[in-house]
Amino acid sequence: MSTAVIVLIVVGVIVILAALFMASRRSKAQQREDERLIASEHREEAERNRLEAAKESAIADEEAAKAKRQAAEAEHRAHSAQLAQHRADAHAEHAQDLDPDASDPDTGEQDFDERHEVLDGEREGPFTGERPPAHESEPAQRQA
């Protein structure tokens, strides 16, 4: 073979190798561009999911705060109802204590003359008009 043919074969191989190299580079560049596009889509999807999660979290926080407010209000109402019940019981007991016509729960008898209310809230001894000593917190004992 002549030298010219060998030079042509070497040049042809170099041209083919150069073409293959350039095609490979274009293919890799296209593949990187496709990967960038996919990564961009994933980032956008992640951002949408992040925003949706933040929105759901805010809604959950708001509902939790609302539930806490409602629980506090319910507790306050229960406490108020309990205080009202205690006041009602105290008034009923006080009314029972003051009522001269009320029957004695122990004996079933009525004690008309035993109790007498003084305007300042202290009690007088039965039938005597005497006040008990100031240190006594109990009303005067009933006489049998």
Protein backbone atom coordinates (compact mmCIF):
# COMPACT_ATOMS: atom_id res chain seq x y z
CA MET A 1 0.00 0.00 0.00
CA SER A 2 1.14 3.28 -0.71
CA THR A 3 1.78 6.04 1.69
CA ALA A 4 -1.11 8.07 0.40
CA VAL A 5 -3.59 5.33 1.21
CA ILE A 6 -2.18 4.96 4.73
CA VAL A 7 -2.39 8.73 5.26
CA LEU A 8 -5.99 8.71 4.00
CA ILE A 9 -6.91 5.81 6.32
CA VAL A 10 -5.29 7.59 9.30
CA VAL A 11 -7.06 10.86 8.42
CA GLY A 12 -10.37 8.94 8.01
CA VAL A 13 -9.95 7.28 11.41
CA ILE A 14 -9.15 10.65 12.99
CA VAL A 15 -12.21 12.25 11.36
CA ILE A 16 -14.43 9.36 12.53
CA LEU A 17 -13.00 9.60 16.06
CA ALA A 18 -13.51 13.37 16.09
CA ALA A 19 -17.12 12.93 14.89
CA LEU A 20 -17.75 10.30 17.56
CA PHE A 21 -16.22 12.55 20.21
CA MET A 22 -18.39 15.52 19.17
CA ALA A 23 -21.52 13.38 19.03
CA SER A 24 -20.72 12.08 22.51
CA ARG A 25 -20.29 15.63 23.83
CA ARG A 26 -23.60 16.71 22.28
CA SER A 27 -25.33 13.71 23.77
CA LYS A 28 -23.92 14.42 27.23
CA ALA A 29 -24.86 18.11 26.93
CA GLN A 30 -28.41 17.15 25.93
CA GLN A 31 -28.57 14.69 28.82
CA ARG A 32 -27.39 17.37 31.29
CA GLU A 33 -29.98 19.81 29.91
CA ASP A 34 -32.71 17.18 30.35
CA GLU A 35 -31.53 16.55 33.91
CA ARG A 36 -31.57 20.30 34.62
CA LEU A 37 -35.13 20.51 33.31
CA ILE A 38 -36.21 17.55 35.47
CA ALA A 39 -34.42 19.00 38.51
CA SER A 40 -36.15 22.34 37.92
CA GLU A 41 -39.54 20.61 37.78
CA HIS A 42 -38.73 18.77 41.01
CA ARG A 43 -37.73 22.03 42.69
CA GLU A 44 -40.99 23.66 41.60
CA GLU A 45 -42.95 20.66 42.91
CA ALA A 46 -41.01 20.80 46.19
CA GLU A 47 -41.77 24.51 46.54
CA ARG A 48 -45.48 23.88 45.87
CA ASN A 49 -45.45 21.09 48.47
CA ARG A 50 -43.59 23.33 50.93
CA LEU A 51 -46.15 26.11 50.48
CA GLU A 52 -49.03 23.65 50.85
CA ALA A 53 -47.43 22.22 54.01
CA ALA A 54 -46.97 25.73 55.45
CA LYS A 55 -50.62 26.52 54.68
CA GLU A 56 -51.83 23.30 56.31
CA SER A 57 -49.58 23.95 59.31
CA ALA A 58 -51.00 27.46 59.69
CA ILE A 59 -54.54 26.10 59.49
CA ALA A 60 -53.71 23.42 62.07
CA ASP A 61 -52.14 26.01 64.38
CA GLU A 62 -55.19 28.24 64.02
CA GLU A 63 -57.54 25.33 64.79
CA ALA A 64 -55.41 24.35 67.79
CA ALA A 65 -55.53 27.92 69.10
CA LYS A 66 -59.29 27.97 68.57
CA ALA A 67 -59.63 24.67 70.41
CA LYS A 68 -57.52 26.03 73.29
CA ARG A 69 -59.69 29.17 73.45
CA GLN A 70 -62.84 27.05 73.45
CA ALA A 71 -61.41 24.79 76.16
CA ALA A 72 -60.48 27.82 78.26
CA GLU A 73 -63.94 29.31 77.75
CA ALA A 74 -65.57 26.01 78.67
CA GLU A 75 -63.42 25.75 81.79
CA HIS A 76 -64.32 29.33 82.70
CA ARG A 77 -68.02 28.60 82.17
CA ALA A 78 -67.76 25.43 84.27
CA HIS A 79 -66.01 27.36 87.03
CA SER A 80 -68.65 30.12 86.85
CA ALA A 81 -71.40 27.51 86.97
CA GLN A 82 -69.75 25.86 89.96
CA LEU A 83 -69.49 29.23 91.76
CA ALA A 84 -73.13 29.98 90.94
CA GLN A 85 -74.11 26.56 92.30
CA HIS A 86 -72.14 27.19 95.49
CA ARG A 87 -73.78 30.61 95.88
CA ALA A 88 -77.20 29.08 95.29
CA ASP A 89 -76.52 26.34 97.84
CA ALA A 90 -75.25 28.90 100.36
CA HIS A 91 -78.33 31.10 99.82
CA ALA A 92 -80.64 28.11 100.15
CA GLU A 93 -78.90 27.00 103.33
CA HIS A 94 -78.98 30.54 104.69
CA ALA A 95 -82.67 30.82 103.82
CA GLN A 96 -83.31 27.51 105.54
CA ASP A 97 -81.42 28.75 108.60
CA LEU A 98 -83.39 32.02 108.67
CA ASP A 99 -86.85 30.65 107.96
CA PRO A 100 -88.75 30.34 111.24
CA ASP A 101 -91.33 28.11 109.54
CA ALA A 102 -88.80 25.63 108.14
CA SER A 103 -88.88 22.19 109.69
CA ASP A 104 -85.85 20.83 111.50
CA PRO A 105 -84.37 18.16 109.23
CA ASP A 106 -83.28 16.05 112.25
CA THR A 107 -86.60 15.92 114.09
CA GLY A 108 -89.11 17.00 111.47
CA GLU A 109 -90.39 19.58 113.97
CA GLN A 110 -90.59 23.27 113.31
CA ASP A 111 -88.57 25.63 115.52
CA PHE A 112 -90.50 28.86 115.32
CA ASP A 113 -89.06 30.77 118.27
CA GLU A 114 -85.43 29.67 118.24
CA ARG A 115 -83.93 31.88 115.56
CA HIS A 116 -83.78 35.61 115.28
CA GLU A 117 -81.66 37.50 112.71
CA VAL A 118 -79.90 40.73 113.66
CA LEU A 119 -79.31 43.23 110.88
CA ASP A 120 -75.52 43.24 111.23
CA GLY A 121 -75.34 39.48 110.67
CA GLU A 122 -74.57 38.44 114.26
CA ARG A 123 -76.95 36.16 116.07
CA GLU A 124 -78.56 36.75 119.42
CA GLY A 125 -79.10 34.05 121.98
CA PRO A 126 -82.57 32.48 121.85
CA PHE A 127 -85.21 34.32 123.89
CA THR A 128 -82.65 36.39 125.82
CA GLY A 129 -81.65 39.11 123.42
CA GLU A 130 -78.05 38.59 124.53
CA ARG A 131 -75.29 38.47 122.01
CA PRO A 132 -72.77 35.68 122.19
CA PRO A 133 -69.12 36.67 122.78
CA ALA A 134 -67.40 38.10 119.68
CA HIS A 135 -64.89 35.25 119.47
CA GLU A 136 -67.58 32.60 118.95
CA SER A 137 -68.27 31.86 115.33
CA GLU A 138 -71.10 29.39 115.98
CA PRO A 139 -74.64 30.60 116.65
CA ALA A 140 -75.99 30.11 120.14
CA GLN A 141 -77.04 26.53 120.88
CA ARG A 142 -80.73 25.75 120.79
CA GLN A 143 -82.40 25.16 124.08
CA ALA A 144 -84.18 21.86 124.43
